[in-house]
Amino acid sequence: MYCIKANQEYEENWLFNVLNHFPIPIEVFNSEGLCIFINKEFIEFFCVSDPSMIVGKTKIIHDVIINEKMSTSEYLNRVFSGEPLSFDDVRVPFDAIADCCCRIEKHPDNDIYQKIISFPILNQYSSPNYAVALFITKNIYQSRLDTRKAKEYIDKHWMEDYNTEKIAEYTGLCSQYLARLFKKFMGITPYSYYQNVKIEKIKEALRNPKLSIREAFISCGVDYSGGIADVFKRRTGMTPSMYRRTFLDRDIDEVKQVEQHNNIRVNYSVDTDDFKQKLFQYSEYFPVPIQIYKTNGDIAYINNAVLRMWNLLDRSQILENYNLFRDPQVLEHSELNEGLKRAFQGETVLIQDVRIPLESYWEWLMTRTEPYDIEAVYTDILNFPIKNEIGKMIYLVSIFFTSRIYQGKSEIAKAKEFIENNWREEFDIEKISKAVCLSPSHLVRLFKINTGMTPHKYYKSIKVVKLKAALRDTNLSVAEVFSSCGFEYSGNNARFFKTQVGMTPSEYRKSIK
């Protein structure tokens, strides 16, 4: 019995260690629905003030908010029965969660709609040992990446004088927009964050009894006679000398506190063969395509979801032959190529709406399975590094979250694809017909037979979907929403929206609250 328990704890340690490298919020439950792990990204994204209030205490199957307010009872029952599922367009009820159990602080963006992907990890008897939930928030993810990039720059250059322009240049954003974005997601300005980093470094230096207080400040790039000493007192509530005396009187195991905060029982080195094996093993459970690359661009692993999604028979040809830097599709796609270059330099990069070249894969690998009616797949690719203890990248992981699929009759799939790629432009049946090599009249007739609507009606339905999605962003006025979707906010367009939705844009915005 002890051996079984020890083996289970060993496996859990590995699972948690691997998932903690993923830059998306992840929560893990045991077979009874009890939360047993949340990764670092979950803690940061959901502003969790005390992880111990969730881990080991939250039982999702009996959670009133999750089951009643969010209407997920049937979804959860199916997941805990062993079925991988996704749940689209879920609004996170931050206020209700905070009021109920005070485990989540006020979030900087209260209107968050997510896609939740849940999947089981089965034991040798094919029953669920764990249920894993991924929280995908596409609409604000890139802004979070930009904020994180600014944070990383400050963390790296804390010894230097604060320079707004250099930070803005590093992130590729104007300084005013960066400041607003940073405060939205971090709760403080970039300069306040820089001061906090400085204070923490000074506190570390003050713990060294071999340094005088003045030398401790100088070692952190600041003069003790400057204003930073006053900032130190305001932030800590004590002078540097008082802090030093207080610290020397304490006996604090800080390493243990950090491990508890990050919710990791044991940290295993990523340089070992064991970590490689576990990374590949747990990636196999994900129901979304995952590719893992070595630092030279050679592919190290693909999971079964890649084979299923892209209709490939054999992974061995890919693992033996494929190099990302030699793929002509990557080289010709400027946004993809640029994003991957940044990713291989150690950044976390989200590349949105990339068309997967299925025909090229099939022709090159000669492994296509028949029949297969998918004409085109578009996906958001989240690329992130796996780094060792000294910050050296070991692998690059790419996760593919499908954004659009076009299937069915080839000409109709291509027409839908063209309309959705050009939805901001004025409707032009001639351009669509040319793209699919049909006459306009033949295309309209064929489109209506296969979809039940004309191409123009399909175009209008896409416009409405985009408008509804944009209306969720309360930072935009209704006029700005229409402008972002290629419309003027005129009476005709407002009436068009009301005809399609049954309420005005303002009424719709209130209804989703």
Protein backbone atom coordinates (compact mmCIF):
# COMPACT_ATOMS: atom_id res chain seq x y z
CA MET A 1 0.00 0.00 0.00
CA TYR A 2 2.81 2.41 0.85
CA CYS A 3 4.51 1.59 -2.47
CA ILE A 4 1.35 2.47 -4.43
CA LYS A 5 0.96 5.77 -2.56
CA ALA A 6 4.64 6.63 -3.07
CA ASN A 7 4.41 5.90 -6.81
CA GLN A 8 1.29 8.06 -7.11
CA GLU A 9 2.96 10.97 -5.34
CA TYR A 10 6.03 10.55 -7.59
CA GLU A 11 3.84 10.71 -10.72
CA GLU A 12 1.93 13.72 -9.38
CA ASN A 13 5.18 15.56 -8.70
CA TRP A 14 6.26 14.98 -12.29
CA LEU A 15 2.86 15.98 -13.70
CA PHE A 16 2.78 19.21 -11.68
CA ASN A 17 6.39 20.05 -12.53
CA VAL A 18 5.74 19.68 -16.28
CA LEU A 19 2.45 21.64 -16.21
CA ASN A 20 4.11 24.47 -14.31
CA HIS A 21 6.18 25.22 -17.45
CA PHE A 22 3.03 25.87 -19.53
CA PRO A 23 2.20 29.61 -19.86
CA ILE A 24 -1.57 29.04 -19.77
CA PRO A 25 -3.72 28.69 -16.62
CA ILE A 26 -4.06 25.00 -15.70
CA GLU A 27 -5.98 23.33 -12.87
CA VAL A 28 -5.82 19.63 -11.97
CA PHE A 29 -8.49 17.66 -10.07
CA ASN A 30 -8.42 14.15 -8.64
CA SER A 31 -11.11 11.58 -9.52
CA GLU A 32 -13.40 12.94 -6.76
CA GLY A 33 -13.25 16.46 -8.21
CA LEU A 34 -10.94 17.89 -5.54
CA CYS A 35 -8.46 20.50 -6.84
CA ILE A 36 -4.94 19.20 -6.20
CA PHE A 37 -2.88 21.62 -8.30
CA ILE A 38 -2.92 25.06 -9.93
CA ASN A 39 0.10 26.20 -11.93
CA LYS A 40 1.94 29.52 -11.62
CA GLU A 41 0.10 31.01 -14.59
CA PHE A 42 -3.26 30.19 -12.98
CA ILE A 43 -2.21 31.99 -9.79
CA GLU A 44 -1.10 35.07 -11.73
CA PHE A 45 -3.93 35.20 -14.28
CA PHE A 46 -6.80 34.77 -11.81
CA CYS A 47 -5.15 36.98 -9.16
CA VAL A 48 -5.25 34.19 -6.57
CA SER A 49 -4.21 35.73 -3.27
CA ASP A 50 -3.88 32.44 -1.36
CA PRO A 51 -3.43 29.20 -3.37
CA SER A 52 -4.00 27.11 -0.23
CA MET A 53 -7.64 28.30 -0.22
CA ILE A 54 -8.14 26.48 -3.54
CA VAL A 55 -5.74 23.52 -3.57
CA GLY A 56 -6.99 20.71 -1.36
CA LYS A 57 -10.22 22.58 -0.52
CA THR A 58 -12.18 23.30 -3.71
CA LYS A 59 -14.31 20.37 -4.87
CA ILE A 60 -15.51 21.39 -8.32
CA ILE A 61 -18.24 18.75 -8.61
CA HIS A 62 -20.02 20.30 -5.60
CA ASP A 63 -19.16 23.95 -6.33
CA VAL A 64 -22.42 25.96 -6.43
CA ILE A 65 -20.96 28.75 -8.59
CA ILE A 66 -19.43 26.43 -11.16
CA ASN A 67 -22.42 24.09 -11.42
CA GLU A 68 -25.36 26.49 -11.08
CA LYS A 69 -24.19 29.95 -12.11
CA MET A 70 -22.07 28.70 -15.02
CA SER A 71 -24.36 25.71 -15.87
CA THR A 72 -21.53 23.22 -16.26
CA SER A 73 -22.90 20.19 -14.37
CA GLU A 74 -23.39 18.00 -17.44
CA TYR A 75 -20.03 19.07 -18.86
CA LEU A 76 -18.23 18.15 -15.62
CA ASN A 77 -19.98 14.79 -15.32
CA ARG A 78 -18.83 13.83 -18.79
CA VAL A 79 -15.24 14.98 -18.15
CA PHE A 80 -15.03 13.02 -14.88
CA SER A 81 -16.41 10.00 -16.74
CA GLY A 82 -13.33 10.08 -18.96
CA GLU A 83 -14.37 12.22 -21.94
CA PRO A 84 -12.17 15.07 -23.27
CA LEU A 85 -14.35 18.13 -23.95
CA SER A 86 -14.13 21.83 -24.69
CA PHE A 87 -16.53 24.47 -23.39
CA ASP A 88 -16.60 27.67 -25.46
CA ASP A 89 -17.42 31.25 -24.56
CA VAL A 90 -17.51 30.91 -20.77
CA ARG A 91 -17.69 34.17 -18.82
CA VAL A 92 -15.67 33.92 -15.61
CA PRO A 93 -17.85 35.10 -12.65
CA PHE A 94 -15.05 36.79 -10.70
CA ASP A 95 -17.38 38.79 -8.46
CA ALA A 96 -19.43 35.74 -7.43
CA ILE A 97 -16.30 33.69 -6.72
CA ALA A 98 -14.73 36.46 -4.65
CA ASP A 99 -17.96 37.07 -2.68
CA CYS A 100 -18.37 33.37 -1.98
CA CYS A 101 -14.93 32.38 -0.78
CA CYS A 102 -12.57 35.40 -1.06
CA ARG A 103 -9.95 33.29 -2.80
CA ILE A 104 -9.63 35.45 -5.91
CA GLU A 105 -8.85 39.16 -5.83
CA LYS A 106 -10.54 41.69 -8.10
CA HIS A 107 -9.37 41.03 -11.64
CA PRO A 108 -8.18 43.93 -13.83
CA ASP A 109 -10.44 42.80 -16.67
CA ASN A 110 -13.76 41.59 -15.28
CA ASP A 111 -15.28 40.72 -18.68
CA ILE A 112 -13.29 37.64 -19.61
CA TYR A 113 -14.72 34.99 -21.92
CA GLN A 114 -12.81 31.77 -22.13
CA LYS A 115 -12.57 28.47 -23.90
CA ILE A 116 -12.06 25.72 -21.32
CA ILE A 117 -10.47 22.51 -22.59
CA SER A 118 -10.75 19.61 -20.14
CA PHE A 119 -9.37 16.11 -20.48
CA PRO A 120 -8.80 13.08 -18.25
CA ILE A 121 -5.57 11.28 -17.42
CA LEU A 122 -6.48 7.60 -17.28
CA ASN A 123 -4.96 4.84 -15.14
CA GLN A 124 -4.10 1.31 -16.29
CA TYR A 125 -7.78 0.32 -15.89
CA SER A 126 -8.89 3.11 -18.29
CA SER A 127 -10.68 5.05 -15.56
CA PRO A 128 -9.82 8.71 -14.79
CA ASN A 129 -7.09 9.36 -12.23
CA TYR A 130 -7.14 13.11 -12.87
CA ALA A 131 -9.04 15.74 -14.83
CA VAL A 132 -6.99 18.60 -16.29
CA ALA A 133 -8.53 21.95 -17.27
CA LEU A 134 -6.86 24.48 -19.59
CA PHE A 135 -8.18 28.06 -19.62
CA ILE A 136 -7.73 29.74 -23.02
CA THR A 137 -8.41 33.50 -23.19
CA LYS A 138 -7.49 34.46 -26.74
CA ASN A 139 -8.94 37.98 -26.80
CA ILE A 140 -6.61 39.35 -24.11
CA TYR A 141 -3.74 36.90 -24.32
CA GLN A 142 -1.53 38.99 -26.60
CA SER A 143 -1.92 42.01 -24.31
CA ARG A 144 -0.81 39.85 -21.39
CA LEU A 145 2.23 38.73 -23.39
CA ASP A 146 3.14 42.36 -24.10
CA THR A 147 2.82 43.16 -20.38
CA ARG A 148 4.94 40.16 -19.47
CA LYS A 149 7.57 41.25 -21.98
CA ALA A 150 7.81 44.67 -20.27
CA LYS A 151 7.99 42.95 -16.88
CA GLU A 152 10.82 40.70 -18.12
CA TYR A 153 12.76 43.73 -19.38
CA ILE A 154 12.47 45.46 -15.99
CA ASP A 155 13.45 42.25 -14.17
CA LYS A 156 16.54 41.98 -16.38
CA HIS A 157 17.61 45.67 -16.26
CA TRP A 158 16.74 46.54 -12.65
CA MET A 159 20.33 47.72 -11.97
CA GLU A 160 19.99 50.47 -14.58
CA ASP A 161 18.13 53.76 -14.23
CA TYR A 162 14.45 53.50 -15.14
CA ASN A 163 13.87 54.33 -18.83
CA THR A 164 10.32 54.32 -20.20
CA GLU A 165 11.41 54.68 -23.83
CA LYS A 166 13.73 51.67 -23.70
CA ILE A 167 10.97 49.49 -22.23
CA ALA A 168 8.50 50.70 -24.87
CA GLU A 169 11.02 50.04 -27.64
CA TYR A 170 11.64 46.51 -26.32
CA THR A 171 7.92 45.68 -26.35
CA GLY A 172 7.18 47.43 -29.65
CA LEU A 173 4.48 49.60 -28.05
CA CYS A 174 4.18 53.33 -27.47
CA SER A 175 5.02 54.32 -23.88
CA GLN A 176 1.54 55.69 -23.05
CA TYR A 177 -0.26 52.56 -24.27
CA LEU A 178 2.26 50.32 -22.51
CA ALA A 179 1.70 52.16 -19.21
CA ARG A 180 -2.09 51.69 -19.47
CA LEU A 181 -1.72 48.03 -20.44
CA PHE A 182 0.77 47.33 -17.65
CA LYS A 183 -1.44 48.90 -15.01
CA LYS A 184 -4.46 46.99 -16.29
CA PHE A 185 -2.81 43.59 -15.93
CA MET A 186 -0.31 44.21 -13.11
CA GLY A 187 -2.34 46.66 -11.05
CA ILE A 188 0.58 49.15 -10.85
CA THR A 189 2.54 51.33 -13.28
CA PRO A 190 5.80 50.07 -14.84
CA TYR A 191 7.76 52.56 -12.68
CA SER A 192 6.13 51.30 -9.47
CA TYR A 193 6.96 47.76 -10.49
CA TYR A 194 10.58 48.82 -11.15
CA GLN A 195 10.73 50.36 -7.66
CA ASN A 196 9.33 47.15 -6.15
CA VAL A 197 12.04 45.10 -7.86
CA LYS A 198 14.69 47.52 -6.57
CA ILE A 199 13.32 47.25 -3.02
CA GLU A 200 13.38 43.45 -3.13
CA LYS A 201 16.99 43.48 -4.36
CA ILE A 202 17.97 45.92 -1.61
CA LYS A 203 16.26 43.69 0.96
CA GLU A 204 18.33 40.74 -0.31
CA ALA A 205 21.53 42.79 -0.05
CA LEU A 206 20.65 43.95 3.49
CA ARG A 207 20.51 40.32 4.58
CA ASN A 208 24.24 40.05 3.93
CA PRO A 209 25.90 41.10 7.23
CA LYS A 210 29.24 41.61 5.48
CA LEU A 211 27.87 44.70 3.70
CA SER A 212 27.21 48.00 5.39
CA ILE A 213 23.83 49.55 4.65
CA ARG A 214 25.44 52.04 2.26
CA GLU A 215 27.31 49.20 0.47
CA ALA A 216 24.08 47.20 0.22
CA PHE A 217 22.42 50.11 -1.58
CA ILE A 218 25.43 50.69 -3.86
CA SER A 219 25.45 46.98 -4.81
CA CYS A 220 21.91 47.54 -6.13
CA GLY A 221 22.88 50.53 -8.25
CA VAL A 222 21.46 53.26 -5.99
CA ASP A 223 22.87 55.84 -3.58
CA TYR A 224 21.81 55.47 0.07
CA SER A 225 21.50 59.25 0.36
CA GLY A 226 19.02 59.33 -2.52
CA GLY A 227 15.24 59.15 -2.47
CA ILE A 228 15.18 55.34 -2.70
CA ALA A 229 15.76 55.11 1.08
CA ASP A 230 12.51 57.02 1.63
CA VAL A 231 10.76 54.75 -0.89
CA PHE A 232 12.14 51.74 1.03
CA LYS A 233 10.62 53.02 4.27
CA ARG A 234 7.24 53.73 2.67
CA ARG A 235 7.07 50.30 1.02
CA THR A 236 8.31 48.21 3.96
CA GLY A 237 7.17 50.32 6.89
CA MET A 238 10.67 50.45 8.36
CA THR A 239 14.08 51.98 7.70
CA PRO A 240 16.82 49.85 6.09
CA SER A 241 18.60 49.47 9.47
CA MET A 242 15.35 48.42 11.18
CA TYR A 243 14.72 45.90 8.39
CA ARG A 244 18.21 44.43 8.81
CA ARG A 245 17.74 44.00 12.58
CA THR A 246 14.29 42.44 12.10
CA PHE A 247 15.56 40.04 9.48
CA LEU A 248 18.55 38.90 11.51
CA ASP A 249 16.20 38.05 14.41
CA ARG A 250 14.09 35.76 12.21
CA ASP A 251 14.60 32.16 11.18
CA ILE A 252 12.66 31.90 7.93
CA ASP A 253 12.92 29.06 5.46
CA GLU A 254 12.30 31.19 2.35
CA VAL A 255 12.91 28.38 -0.12
CA LYS A 256 10.09 26.38 1.46
CA GLN A 257 7.75 29.38 1.28
CA VAL A 258 8.47 29.89 -2.43
CA GLU A 259 7.84 26.22 -3.17
CA GLN A 260 4.52 26.34 -1.33
CA HIS A 261 3.50 29.52 -3.16
CA ASN A 262 4.30 27.96 -6.54
CA ASN A 263 2.46 24.82 -5.49
CA ILE A 264 5.33 22.45 -6.39
CA ARG A 265 6.21 19.60 -4.08
CA VAL A 266 9.46 18.74 -5.81
CA ASN A 267 11.38 20.48 -8.61
CA TYR A 268 12.92 18.03 -11.04
CA SER A 269 15.75 19.16 -13.33
CA VAL A 270 14.67 19.73 -16.95
CA ASP A 271 18.10 18.63 -18.18
CA THR A 272 17.45 14.96 -17.37
CA ASP A 273 16.16 12.22 -19.66
CA ASP A 274 13.37 11.67 -17.12
CA PHE A 275 12.04 15.20 -17.70
CA LYS A 276 12.13 14.66 -21.48
CA GLN A 277 10.21 11.40 -21.11
CA LYS A 278 7.60 12.95 -18.81
CA LEU A 279 7.19 16.03 -21.02
CA PHE A 280 6.44 13.79 -24.02
CA GLN A 281 4.25 11.47 -21.94
CA TYR A 282 1.99 14.18 -20.53
CA SER A 283 1.79 16.00 -23.87
CA GLU A 284 0.18 12.84 -25.23
CA TYR A 285 -2.83 13.32 -22.96
CA PHE A 286 -3.61 16.78 -24.41
CA PRO A 287 -6.50 16.65 -26.92
CA VAL A 288 -4.95 19.57 -28.85
CA PRO A 289 -1.98 19.23 -31.24
CA ILE A 290 1.44 19.71 -29.60
CA GLN A 291 4.82 19.77 -31.33
CA ILE A 292 8.10 19.91 -29.42
CA TYR A 293 11.33 21.10 -31.07
CA LYS A 294 14.98 20.92 -30.18
CA THR A 295 16.91 24.19 -30.11
CA ASN A 296 18.27 23.57 -33.64
CA GLY A 297 14.74 23.35 -35.08
CA ASP A 298 14.65 19.53 -35.39
CA ILE A 299 11.33 18.13 -34.25
CA ALA A 300 11.65 16.04 -31.10
CA TYR A 301 8.05 14.95 -30.58
CA ILE A 302 4.47 15.26 -31.86
CA ASN A 303 1.44 13.96 -29.99
CA ASN A 304 -1.40 11.88 -31.44
CA ALA A 305 -3.65 14.94 -31.73
CA VAL A 306 -1.34 16.21 -34.51
CA LEU A 307 -1.85 12.99 -36.48
CA ARG A 308 -5.63 13.08 -35.96
CA MET A 309 -6.08 16.76 -36.82
CA TRP A 310 -3.87 16.75 -39.90
CA ASN A 311 -4.82 13.28 -41.13
CA LEU A 312 -1.32 11.79 -41.01
CA LEU A 313 -0.62 8.08 -40.73
CA ASP A 314 2.93 7.90 -39.49
CA ARG A 315 4.89 10.13 -37.12
CA SER A 316 8.25 8.42 -37.71
CA GLN A 317 8.81 10.20 -41.05
CA ILE A 318 8.23 13.55 -39.37
CA LEU A 319 10.45 12.84 -36.36
CA GLU A 320 13.29 11.64 -38.55
CA ASN A 321 13.17 14.28 -41.28
CA TYR A 322 11.49 17.51 -40.27
CA ASN A 323 13.33 20.70 -39.36
CA LEU A 324 11.30 23.85 -38.72
CA PHE A 325 13.92 26.19 -40.18
CA ARG A 326 13.95 24.27 -43.47
CA ASP A 327 10.16 24.18 -43.95
CA PRO A 328 9.33 26.32 -47.03
CA GLN A 329 5.83 27.05 -45.64
CA VAL A 330 7.39 28.60 -42.54
CA LEU A 331 9.99 30.55 -44.53
CA GLU A 332 7.31 32.00 -46.85
CA HIS A 333 4.94 32.99 -44.03
CA SER A 334 6.52 36.21 -42.72
CA GLU A 335 4.45 36.52 -39.50
CA LEU A 336 4.98 32.85 -38.62
CA ASN A 337 8.70 33.02 -39.45
CA GLU A 338 9.23 36.16 -37.36
CA GLY A 339 7.24 34.79 -34.43
CA LEU A 340 9.20 31.54 -34.38
CA LYS A 341 12.52 33.41 -34.46
CA ARG A 342 11.47 35.29 -31.33
CA ALA A 343 10.28 32.07 -29.72
CA PHE A 344 13.63 30.37 -30.31
CA GLN A 345 15.28 33.35 -28.62
CA GLY A 346 13.36 32.45 -25.46
CA GLU A 347 10.13 34.49 -25.73
CA THR A 348 6.59 33.19 -25.28
CA VAL A 349 4.89 34.06 -28.56
CA LEU A 350 1.27 33.69 -29.70
CA ILE A 351 0.93 33.56 -33.51
CA GLN A 352 -2.73 33.92 -34.46
CA ASP A 353 -4.84 32.44 -37.24
CA VAL A 354 -2.15 30.50 -39.14
CA ARG A 355 -3.35 28.36 -42.07
CA ILE A 356 -2.01 24.81 -41.79
CA PRO A 357 -0.72 23.70 -45.24
CA LEU A 358 -2.43 20.27 -45.24
CA GLU A 359 -1.87 19.66 -48.95
CA SER A 360 1.88 20.27 -48.59
CA TYR A 361 2.13 17.86 -45.66
CA TRP A 362 0.24 15.15 -47.50
CA GLU A 363 2.26 15.58 -50.68
CA TRP A 364 5.58 15.61 -48.81
CA LEU A 365 4.91 12.77 -46.38
CA MET A 366 2.58 10.72 -48.60
CA THR A 367 0.63 9.69 -45.51
CA ARG A 368 -2.85 11.10 -46.11
CA THR A 369 -5.78 8.94 -44.95
CA GLU A 370 -8.93 8.72 -47.07
CA PRO A 371 -11.61 9.92 -46.80
CA TYR A 372 -10.92 13.37 -45.35
CA ASP A 373 -13.27 16.26 -46.09
CA ILE A 374 -11.38 19.07 -44.31
CA GLU A 375 -10.30 21.66 -46.83
CA ALA A 376 -8.44 24.07 -44.53
CA VAL A 377 -7.52 24.45 -40.85
CA TYR A 378 -6.63 27.76 -39.19
CA THR A 379 -5.01 27.71 -35.78
CA ASP A 380 -3.53 29.95 -33.09
CA ILE A 381 -0.05 28.69 -32.20
CA LEU A 382 1.24 29.30 -28.68
CA ASN A 383 5.03 28.88 -28.62
CA PHE A 384 6.97 28.82 -25.36
CA PRO A 385 10.42 27.70 -24.21
CA ILE A 386 11.27 25.04 -21.65
CA LYS A 387 14.29 26.41 -19.78
CA ASN A 388 16.63 24.82 -17.26
CA GLU A 389 17.68 26.23 -13.90
CA ILE A 390 20.24 28.61 -15.44
CA GLY A 391 17.81 29.97 -18.04
CA LYS A 392 19.08 27.97 -21.03
CA MET A 393 16.36 26.81 -23.45
CA ILE A 394 16.10 23.02 -23.76
CA TYR A 395 12.98 22.70 -25.94
CA LEU A 396 10.44 24.87 -27.73
CA VAL A 397 6.83 23.72 -27.29
CA SER A 398 4.12 24.69 -29.82
CA ILE A 399 0.46 24.18 -28.91
CA PHE A 400 -2.13 24.52 -31.69
CA PHE A 401 -5.58 25.86 -30.73
CA THR A 402 -7.88 25.52 -33.73
CA SER A 403 -9.66 28.76 -34.57
CA ARG A 404 -11.40 27.80 -37.83
CA ILE A 405 -12.05 24.62 -39.85
CA TYR A 406 -13.48 24.49 -43.37
CA GLN A 407 -14.85 21.15 -44.45
CA GLY A 408 -17.28 19.68 -46.95
CA LYS A 409 -17.41 20.34 -50.68
CA SER A 410 -14.13 21.93 -51.76
CA GLU A 411 -15.57 24.98 -53.58
CA ILE A 412 -17.92 25.85 -50.71
CA ALA A 413 -15.20 25.41 -48.08
CA LYS A 414 -12.92 27.71 -50.08
CA ALA A 415 -15.71 30.30 -50.49
CA LYS A 416 -16.35 30.31 -46.72
CA GLU A 417 -12.62 30.61 -46.10
CA PHE A 418 -12.36 33.59 -48.49
CA ILE A 419 -15.36 35.37 -46.91
CA GLU A 420 -14.02 34.93 -43.37
CA ASN A 421 -10.54 36.11 -44.38
CA ASN A 422 -12.00 39.26 -45.97
CA TRP A 423 -15.00 39.99 -43.73
CA ARG A 424 -13.93 43.59 -43.06
CA GLU A 425 -14.11 44.46 -46.77
CA GLU A 426 -17.26 45.18 -48.78
CA PHE A 427 -18.99 42.06 -50.06
CA ASP A 428 -17.88 41.27 -53.64
CA ILE A 429 -19.31 38.12 -55.27
CA GLU A 430 -16.96 38.53 -58.25
CA LYS A 431 -13.85 38.26 -56.06
CA ILE A 432 -15.25 35.26 -54.18
CA SER A 433 -16.18 33.50 -57.45
CA LYS A 434 -12.71 34.11 -58.86
CA ALA A 435 -11.10 32.68 -55.71
CA VAL A 436 -13.02 29.38 -56.07
CA CYS A 437 -12.96 29.24 -59.90
CA LEU A 438 -16.75 29.29 -60.38
CA SER A 439 -19.14 31.70 -62.05
CA PRO A 440 -21.06 33.95 -59.61
CA SER A 441 -24.43 32.37 -60.43
CA HIS A 442 -23.09 28.82 -60.08
CA LEU A 443 -21.40 29.69 -56.78
CA VAL A 444 -24.57 31.25 -55.31
CA ARG A 445 -26.65 28.21 -56.35
CA LEU A 446 -24.09 25.70 -55.02
CA PHE A 447 -23.52 27.66 -51.80
CA LYS A 448 -27.25 27.78 -51.00
CA ILE A 449 -27.70 24.05 -51.69
CA ASN A 450 -24.83 23.16 -49.33
CA THR A 451 -25.34 25.73 -46.55
CA GLY A 452 -28.98 26.81 -46.78
CA MET A 453 -28.01 30.46 -47.31
CA THR A 454 -26.49 32.70 -49.97
CA PRO A 455 -22.84 33.86 -49.79
CA HIS A 456 -24.06 37.39 -48.95
CA LYS A 457 -26.18 36.14 -46.04
CA TYR A 458 -23.21 34.12 -44.79
CA TYR A 459 -21.06 37.28 -45.02
CA LYS A 460 -23.63 39.22 -42.96
CA SER A 461 -23.75 36.48 -40.33
CA ILE A 462 -19.96 36.71 -39.94
CA LYS A 463 -20.25 40.48 -39.50
CA VAL A 464 -22.79 40.02 -36.71
CA VAL A 465 -20.63 37.46 -34.92
CA LYS A 466 -17.66 39.85 -35.02
CA LEU A 467 -19.77 42.78 -33.80
CA LYS A 468 -21.16 40.75 -30.88
CA ALA A 469 -17.65 39.67 -29.88
CA ALA A 470 -16.34 43.25 -30.07
CA LEU A 471 -19.24 44.58 -27.97
CA ARG A 472 -17.91 42.55 -25.03
CA ASP A 473 -14.91 44.85 -24.86
CA THR A 474 -16.20 47.57 -22.57
CA ASN A 475 -13.10 49.66 -23.23
CA LEU A 476 -14.59 50.49 -26.66
CA SER A 477 -17.59 52.71 -27.28
CA VAL A 478 -20.33 51.29 -29.52
CA ALA A 479 -19.12 53.54 -32.36
CA GLU A 480 -15.56 52.23 -31.93
CA VAL A 481 -16.89 48.66 -31.97
CA PHE A 482 -18.53 49.24 -35.35
CA SER A 483 -15.41 50.94 -36.68
CA SER A 484 -13.23 47.99 -35.60
CA CYS A 485 -15.49 45.72 -37.68
CA GLY A 486 -15.33 47.83 -40.82
CA PHE A 487 -18.67 49.62 -40.27
CA GLU A 488 -19.72 53.19 -39.68
CA TYR A 489 -22.03 53.50 -36.68
CA SER A 490 -24.93 54.79 -38.76
CA GLY A 491 -28.65 54.32 -38.44
CA ASN A 492 -28.72 51.73 -41.23
CA ASN A 493 -25.99 49.61 -39.66
CA ALA A 494 -27.53 49.86 -36.18
CA ARG A 495 -30.88 48.72 -37.67
CA PHE A 496 -29.06 45.89 -39.48
CA PHE A 497 -27.68 44.69 -36.13
CA LYS A 498 -31.09 44.92 -34.46
CA THR A 499 -32.72 42.98 -37.31
CA GLN A 500 -30.15 40.19 -36.99
CA VAL A 501 -29.91 40.04 -33.17
CA GLY A 502 -33.31 41.29 -32.00
CA MET A 503 -31.91 44.17 -29.93
CA THR A 504 -29.83 47.31 -30.39
CA PRO A 505 -26.02 47.17 -29.88
CA SER A 506 -26.39 48.96 -26.50
CA GLU A 507 -29.14 46.57 -25.40
CA TYR A 508 -27.02 43.60 -26.42
CA ARG A 509 -24.04 44.94 -24.44
CA LYS A 510 -26.25 45.29 -21.34
CA SER A 511 -27.68 41.78 -21.83
CA ILE A 512 -24.28 40.09 -21.73
CA LYS A 513 -23.56 41.72 -18.41
